[in-house]
Structures are given as structure tokens and as C-alpha cells.
């Protein structure tokens, strides 16, 4: 596993603060990005519910696959 250390203060030092603020703003309900984020959250929540009651063999296989 490779660890990457990022110095965000150095990386963002030359960036315009106004454009950075626009980049990290939370999307509103009317924007398409909000719908995508809420869909992703719902998918992750459903996966969590299924894994809570699921097979331990499947859980271990998923954990082993994610650590590679």
C-alpha cells in the first residue's frame, strides 16, 4: 500500500479563494449533483443494511477485496 501525503496548504496557496469557495459549495436540491449524491448515499445505506444481516463469508470476501 502506498501512502500519499498531500500538503493542501501548499497546493492551494496559489489558487483563487473565490473559485475555491465555489468549488466546494454544497449542491442545492435543484442541481443534478445533489441528486447524484443522494442516490449514492441511498445505495451505500442499502448495501450496509444488506451486509448487516448477510453472510460472514461474503463480508470477509468484500473486506479482503477492498484491502488489495
PDB file of N, CA and C in Angstrom:
ATOM      1  N   UNK A   1       0.833  -1.166   0.000  1.00  0.00           N
ATOM      2  CA  UNK A   1       0.000   0.000   0.000  1.00  0.00           C
ATOM      3  C   UNK A   1       0.885   1.239   0.000  1.00  0.00           C
ATOM      4  N   UNK A   2       0.573   2.173  -0.874  1.00  0.00           N
ATOM      5  CA  UNK A   2       1.337   3.412  -0.988  1.00  0.00           C
ATOM      6  C   UNK A   2       0.571   4.518  -0.286  1.00  0.00           C
ATOM      7  N   UNK A   3       1.261   5.194   0.624  1.00  0.00           N
ATOM      8  CA  UNK A   3       0.638   6.325   1.304  1.00  0.00           C
ATOM      9  C   UNK A   3       1.070   7.600   0.610  1.00  0.00           C
ATOM     10  N   UNK A   4       0.122   8.418   0.322  1.00  0.00           N
ATOM     11  CA  UNK A   4       0.377   9.679  -0.349  1.00  0.00           C
ATOM     12  C   UNK A   4       0.057  10.805   0.611  1.00  0.00           C
ATOM     13  N   UNK A   5       1.044  11.627   0.880  1.00  0.00           N
ATOM     14  CA  UNK A   5       0.847  12.752   1.784  1.00  0.00           C
ATOM     15  C   UNK A   5       0.716  14.009   0.944  1.00  0.00           C
ATOM     16  N   UNK A   6      -0.403  14.693   1.114  1.00  0.00           N
ATOM     17  CA  UNK A   6      -0.681  15.894   0.339  1.00  0.00           C
ATOM     18  C   UNK A   6      -0.653  17.095   1.273  1.00  0.00           C
ATOM     19  N   UNK A   7       0.115  18.066   0.920  1.00  0.00           N
ATOM     20  CA  UNK A   7       0.139  19.323   1.667  1.00  0.00           C
ATOM     21  C   UNK A   7      -0.866  20.257   1.019  1.00  0.00           C
ATOM     22  N   UNK A   8      -2.107  20.240   1.532  1.00  0.00           N
ATOM     23  CA  UNK A   8      -3.174  21.029   0.936  1.00  0.00           C
ATOM     24  C   UNK A   8      -2.900  22.525   1.026  1.00  0.00           C
ATOM     25  N   UNK A   9      -2.241  22.955   2.102  1.00  0.00           N
ATOM     26  CA  UNK A   9      -1.956  24.380   2.233  1.00  0.00           C
ATOM     27  C   UNK A   9      -1.019  24.858   1.134  1.00  0.00           C
ATOM     28  N   UNK A  10      -0.039  24.041   0.769  1.00  0.00           N
ATOM     29  CA  UNK A  10       0.894  24.404  -0.305  1.00  0.00           C
ATOM     30  C   UNK A  10       0.213  24.285  -1.664  1.00  0.00           C
ATOM     31  N   UNK A  11      -0.590  23.251  -1.830  1.00  0.00           N
ATOM     32  CA  UNK A  11      -1.269  23.013  -3.096  1.00  0.00           C
ATOM     33  C   UNK A  11      -2.258  24.121  -3.435  1.00  0.00           C
ATOM     34  N   UNK A  12      -2.937  24.640  -2.420  1.00  0.00           N
ATOM     35  CA  UNK A  12      -3.972  25.639  -2.640  1.00  0.00           C
ATOM     36  C   UNK A  12      -3.498  27.071  -2.415  1.00  0.00           C
ATOM     37  N   UNK A  13      -2.233  27.263  -2.139  1.00  0.00           N
ATOM     38  CA  UNK A  13      -1.716  28.594  -1.833  1.00  0.00           C
ATOM     39  C   UNK A  13      -1.887  29.566  -3.005  1.00  0.00           C
ATOM     40  N   UNK A  14      -1.696  29.086  -4.216  1.00  0.00           N
ATOM     41  CA  UNK A  14      -1.772  29.958  -5.387  1.00  0.00           C
ATOM     42  C   UNK A  14      -3.174  30.006  -6.010  1.00  0.00           C
ATOM     43  N   UNK A  15      -4.104  29.251  -5.476  1.00  0.00           N
ATOM     44  CA  UNK A  15      -5.453  29.205  -6.050  1.00  0.00           C
ATOM     45  C   UNK A  15      -6.284  30.390  -5.550  1.00  0.00           C
ATOM     46  N   UNK A  16      -7.135  30.872  -6.434  1.00  0.00           N
ATOM     47  CA  UNK A  16      -8.028  31.974  -6.095  1.00  0.00           C
ATOM     48  C   UNK A  16      -9.046  31.485  -5.069  1.00  0.00           C
ATOM     49  N   UNK A  17      -9.170  32.208  -3.963  1.00  0.00           N
ATOM     50  CA  UNK A  17     -10.044  31.773  -2.871  1.00  0.00           C
ATOM     51  C   UNK A  17     -11.524  31.782  -3.264  1.00  0.00           C
ATOM     52  N   UNK A  18     -11.917  32.704  -4.121  1.00  0.00           N
ATOM     53  CA  UNK A  18     -13.324  32.764  -4.541  1.00  0.00           C
ATOM     54  C   UNK A  18     -13.693  31.544  -5.384  1.00  0.00           C
ATOM     55  N   UNK A  19     -12.823  31.153  -6.322  1.00  0.00           N
ATOM     56  CA  UNK A  19     -13.106  29.971  -7.142  1.00  0.00           C
ATOM     57  C   UNK A  19     -13.053  28.694  -6.303  1.00  0.00           C
ATOM     58  N   UNK A  20     -12.203  28.686  -5.285  1.00  0.00           N
ATOM     59  CA  UNK A  20     -12.140  27.533  -4.387  1.00  0.00           C
ATOM     60  C   UNK A  20     -13.432  27.407  -3.589  1.00  0.00           C
ATOM     61  N   UNK A  21     -13.968  28.526  -3.122  1.00  0.00           N
ATOM     62  CA  UNK A  21     -15.225  28.515  -2.374  1.00  0.00           C
ATOM     63  C   UNK A  21     -16.374  28.027  -3.249  1.00  0.00           C
ATOM     64  N   UNK A  22     -16.397  28.408  -4.518  1.00  0.00           N
ATOM     65  CA  UNK A  22     -17.441  27.948  -5.438  1.00  0.00           C
ATOM     66  C   UNK A  22     -17.318  26.454  -5.723  1.00  0.00           C
ATOM     67  N   UNK A  23     -16.080  25.958  -5.703  1.00  0.00           N
ATOM     68  CA  UNK A  23     -15.828  24.550  -5.989  1.00  0.00           C
ATOM     69  C   UNK A  23     -16.335  23.644  -4.869  1.00  0.00           C
ATOM     70  N   UNK A  24     -16.223  24.076  -3.626  1.00  0.00           N
ATOM     71  CA  UNK A  24     -16.562  23.215  -2.500  1.00  0.00           C
ATOM     72  C   UNK A  24     -17.942  23.471  -1.916  1.00  0.00           C
ATOM     73  N   UNK A  25     -18.735  24.319  -2.556  1.00  0.00           N
ATOM     74  CA  UNK A  25     -20.069  24.613  -2.042  1.00  0.00           C
ATOM     75  C   UNK A  25     -20.948  23.363  -2.121  1.00  0.00           C
ATOM     76  N   UNK A  26     -21.831  23.204  -1.151  1.00  0.00           N
ATOM     77  CA  UNK A  26     -22.752  22.066  -1.114  1.00  0.00           C
ATOM     78  C   UNK A  26     -23.834  22.290  -2.174  1.00  0.00           C
ATOM     79  N   UNK A  27     -24.099  21.303  -3.026  1.00  0.00           N
ATOM     80  CA  UNK A  27     -25.107  21.488  -4.062  1.00  0.00           C
ATOM     81  C   UNK A  27     -26.510  21.633  -3.477  1.00  0.00           C
ATOM     82  N   UNK A  28     -27.331  22.430  -4.138  1.00  0.00           N
ATOM     83  CA  UNK A  28     -28.711  22.609  -3.698  1.00  0.00           C
ATOM     84  C   UNK A  28     -29.577  21.488  -4.262  1.00  0.00           C
ATOM     85  N   UNK A  29     -30.798  21.419  -3.788  1.00  0.00           N
ATOM     86  CA  UNK A  29     -31.710  20.340  -4.194  1.00  0.00           C
ATOM     87  C   UNK A  29     -31.989  20.381  -5.696  1.00  0.00           C
ATOM     88  N   UNK A  30     -31.987  21.558  -6.293  1.00  0.00           N
ATOM     89  CA  UNK A  30     -32.320  21.689  -7.716  1.00  0.00           C
ATOM     90  C   UNK A  30     -31.192  21.257  -8.659  1.00  0.00           C
ATOM     91  N   UNK A  31     -29.984  21.129  -8.168  1.00  0.00           N
ATOM     92  CA  UNK A  31     -28.859  20.778  -9.034  1.00  0.00           C
ATOM     93  C   UNK A  31     -28.772  19.273  -9.230  1.00  0.00           C
ATOM     94  N   UNK A  32     -28.261  18.872 -10.394  1.00  0.00           N
ATOM     95  CA  UNK A  32     -28.140  17.447 -10.708  1.00  0.00           C
ATOM     96  C   UNK A  32     -27.151  16.744  -9.790  1.00  0.00           C
ATOM     97  N   UNK A  33     -26.122  17.449  -9.330  1.00  0.00           N
ATOM     98  CA  UNK A  33     -25.127  16.844  -8.453  1.00  0.00           C
ATOM     99  C   UNK A  33     -25.757  16.407  -7.129  1.00  0.00           C
ATOM    100  N   UNK A  34     -26.729  17.163  -6.635  1.00  0.00           N
ATOM    101  CA  UNK A  34     -27.422  16.794  -5.401  1.00  0.00           C
ATOM    102  C   UNK A  34     -28.142  15.461  -5.575  1.00  0.00           C
ATOM    103  N   UNK A  35     -28.788  15.300  -6.703  1.00  0.00           N
ATOM    104  CA  UNK A  35     -29.500  14.043  -6.968  1.00  0.00           C
ATOM    105  C   UNK A  35     -28.526  12.871  -7.027  1.00  0.00           C
ATOM    106  N   UNK A  36     -27.365  13.087  -7.623  1.00  0.00           N
ATOM    107  CA  UNK A  36     -26.357  12.038  -7.714  1.00  0.00           C
ATOM    108  C   UNK A  36     -25.823  11.671  -6.332  1.00  0.00           C
ATOM    109  N   UNK A  37     -25.563  12.680  -5.507  1.00  0.00           N
ATOM    110  CA  UNK A  37     -25.053  12.430  -4.161  1.00  0.00           C
ATOM    111  C   UNK A  37     -26.094  11.695  -3.320  1.00  0.00           C
ATOM    112  N   UNK A  38     -27.343  12.119  -3.391  1.00  0.00           N
ATOM    113  CA  UNK A  38     -28.385  11.455  -2.605  1.00  0.00           C
ATOM    114  C   UNK A  38     -28.611  10.025  -3.080  1.00  0.00           C
ATOM    115  N   UNK A  39     -28.472   9.787  -4.369  1.00  0.00           N
ATOM    116  CA  UNK A  39     -28.596   8.424  -4.897  1.00  0.00           C
ATOM    117  C   UNK A  39     -27.446   7.555  -4.382  1.00  0.00           C
ATOM    118  N   UNK A  40     -26.238   8.098  -4.365  1.00  0.00           N
ATOM    119  CA  UNK A  40     -25.089   7.368  -3.835  1.00  0.00           C
ATOM    120  C   UNK A  40     -25.237   7.056  -2.360  1.00  0.00           C
ATOM    121  N   UNK A  41     -25.729   8.019  -1.603  1.00  0.00           N
ATOM    122  CA  UNK A  41     -25.958   7.787  -0.164  1.00  0.00           C
ATOM    123  C   UNK A  41     -26.983   6.692   0.056  1.00  0.00           C
ATOM    124  N   UNK A  42     -28.048   6.726  -0.730  1.00  0.00           N
ATOM    125  CA  UNK A  42     -29.104   5.721  -0.608  1.00  0.00           C
ATOM    126  C   UNK A  42     -28.552   4.329  -0.948  1.00  0.00           C
ATOM    127  N   UNK A  43     -27.718   4.237  -1.976  1.00  0.00           N
ATOM    128  CA  UNK A  43     -27.122   2.959  -2.378  1.00  0.00           C
ATOM    129  C   UNK A  43     -26.219   2.417  -1.272  1.00  0.00           C
ATOM    130  N   UNK A  44     -25.390   3.299  -0.704  1.00  0.00           N
ATOM    131  CA  UNK A  44     -24.490   2.872   0.370  1.00  0.00           C
ATOM    132  C   UNK A  44     -25.286   2.429   1.594  1.00  0.00           C
ATOM    133  N   UNK A  45     -26.363   3.148   1.915  1.00  0.00           N
ATOM    134  CA  UNK A  45     -27.209   2.786   3.050  1.00  0.00           C
ATOM    135  C   UNK A  45     -27.833   1.412   2.836  1.00  0.00           C
ATOM    136  N   UNK A  46     -28.342   1.156   1.623  1.00  0.00           N
ATOM    137  CA  UNK A  46     -28.955  -0.135   1.324  1.00  0.00           C
ATOM    138  C   UNK A  46     -27.928  -1.264   1.376  1.00  0.00           C
ATOM    139  N   UNK A  47     -26.724  -1.016   0.867  1.00  0.00           N
ATOM    140  CA  UNK A  47     -25.664  -2.035   0.939  1.00  0.00           C
ATOM    141  C   UNK A  47     -25.322  -2.343   2.388  1.00  0.00           C
ATOM    142  N   UNK A  48     -25.259  -1.309   3.221  1.00  0.00           N
ATOM    143  CA  UNK A  48     -24.973  -1.512   4.636  1.00  0.00           C
ATOM    144  C   UNK A  48     -26.036  -2.347   5.326  1.00  0.00           C
ATOM    145  N   UNK A  49     -27.295  -2.089   4.995  1.00  0.00           N
ATOM    146  CA  UNK A  49     -28.399  -2.863   5.584  1.00  0.00           C
ATOM    147  C   UNK A  49     -28.308  -4.326   5.186  1.00  0.00           C
ATOM    148  N   UNK A  50     -27.991  -4.578   3.935  1.00  0.00           N
ATOM    149  CA  UNK A  50     -27.905  -5.964   3.468  1.00  0.00           C
ATOM    150  C   UNK A  50     -26.696  -6.678   4.062  1.00  0.00           C
ATOM    151  N   UNK A  51     -25.594  -5.959   4.238  1.00  0.00           N
ATOM    152  CA  UNK A  51     -24.398  -6.589   4.800  1.00  0.00           C
ATOM    153  C   UNK A  51     -24.553  -6.858   6.299  1.00  0.00           C
ATOM    154  N   UNK A  52     -25.335  -6.050   6.989  1.00  0.00           N
ATOM    155  CA  UNK A  52     -25.532  -6.261   8.429  1.00  0.00           C
ATOM    156  C   UNK A  52     -26.149  -7.619   8.718  1.00  0.00           C
ATOM    157  N   UNK A  53     -27.064  -8.034   7.895  1.00  0.00           N
ATOM    158  CA  UNK A  53     -27.727  -9.312   8.130  1.00  0.00           C
ATOM    159  C   UNK A  53     -27.213 -10.411   7.229  1.00  0.00           C
ATOM    160  N   UNK A  54     -26.186 -10.128   6.477  1.00  0.00           N
ATOM    161  CA  UNK A  54     -25.717 -11.082   5.478  1.00  0.00           C
ATOM    162  C   UNK A  54     -24.717 -12.098   5.997  1.00  0.00           C
ATOM    163  N   UNK A  55     -24.182 -12.817   5.085  1.00  0.00           N
ATOM    164  CA  UNK A  55     -23.248 -13.896   5.379  1.00  0.00           C
ATOM    165  C   UNK A  55     -21.876 -13.352   5.773  1.00  0.00           C
ATOM    166  N   UNK A  56     -21.271 -13.948   6.773  1.00  0.00           N
ATOM    167  CA  UNK A  56     -19.939 -13.548   7.221  1.00  0.00           C
ATOM    168  C   UNK A  56     -18.900 -13.864   6.143  1.00  0.00           C
ATOM    169  N   UNK A  57     -19.105 -14.908   5.374  1.00  0.00           N
ATOM    170  CA  UNK A  57     -18.168 -15.264   4.300  1.00  0.00           C
ATOM    171  C   UNK A  57     -18.145 -14.163   3.247  1.00  0.00           C
ATOM    172  N   UNK A  58     -19.308 -13.626   2.898  1.00  0.00           N
ATOM    173  CA  UNK A  58     -19.389 -12.547   1.911  1.00  0.00           C
ATOM    174  C   UNK A  58     -18.728 -11.286   2.462  1.00  0.00           C
ATOM    175  N   UNK A  59     -18.962 -10.982   3.726  1.00  0.00           N
ATOM    176  CA  UNK A  59     -18.349  -9.805   4.341  1.00  0.00           C
ATOM    177  C   UNK A  59     -16.831  -9.894   4.326  1.00  0.00           C
ATOM    178  N   UNK A  60     -16.308 -11.052   4.672  1.00  0.00           N
ATOM    179  CA  UNK A  60     -14.844 -11.236   4.674  1.00  0.00           C
ATOM    180  C   UNK A  60     -14.281 -11.128   3.269  1.00  0.00           C
ATOM    181  N   UNK A  61     -14.984 -11.674   2.303  1.00  0.00           N
ATOM    182  CA  UNK A  61     -14.513 -11.587   0.923  1.00  0.00           C
ATOM    183  C   UNK A  61     -14.476 -10.134   0.453  1.00  0.00           C
ATOM    184  N   UNK A  62     -15.493  -9.354   0.821  1.00  0.00           N
ATOM    185  CA  UNK A  62     -15.510  -7.942   0.452  1.00  0.00           C
ATOM    186  C   UNK A  62     -14.390  -7.184   1.139  1.00  0.00           C
ATOM    187  N   UNK A  63     -14.141  -7.467   2.402  1.00  0.00           N
ATOM    188  CA  UNK A  63     -13.065  -6.774   3.123  1.00  0.00           C
ATOM    189  C   UNK A  63     -11.709  -7.119   2.529  1.00  0.00           C
ATOM    190  N   UNK A  64     -11.512  -8.381   2.179  1.00  0.00           N
ATOM    191  CA  UNK A  64     -10.238  -8.782   1.578  1.00  0.00           C
ATOM    192  C   UNK A  64     -10.053  -8.135   0.210  1.00  0.00           C
ATOM    193  N   UNK A  65     -11.115  -8.019  -0.561  1.00  0.00           N
ATOM    194  CA  UNK A  65     -11.029  -7.413  -1.890  1.00  0.00           C
ATOM    195  C   UNK A  65     -10.751  -5.928  -1.800  1.00  0.00           C
ATOM    196  N   UNK A  66     -11.277  -5.258  -0.785  1.00  0.00           N
ATOM    197  CA  UNK A  66     -11.066  -3.810  -0.672  1.00  0.00           C
ATOM    198  C   UNK A  66      -9.680  -3.471  -0.148  1.00  0.00           C
ATOM    199  N   UNK A  67      -9.015  -4.381   0.516  1.00  0.00           N
ATOM    200  CA  UNK A  67      -7.686  -4.080   1.058  1.00  0.00           C
ATOM    201  C   UNK A  67      -6.575  -4.314   0.044  1.00  0.00           C
ATOM    202  N   UNK A  68      -6.901  -4.877  -1.098  1.00  0.00           N
ATOM    203  CA  UNK A  68      -5.879  -5.141  -2.132  1.00  0.00           C
ATOM    204  C   UNK A  68      -5.582  -3.940  -2.939  1.00  0.00           C
TER     205      UNK A  68
END
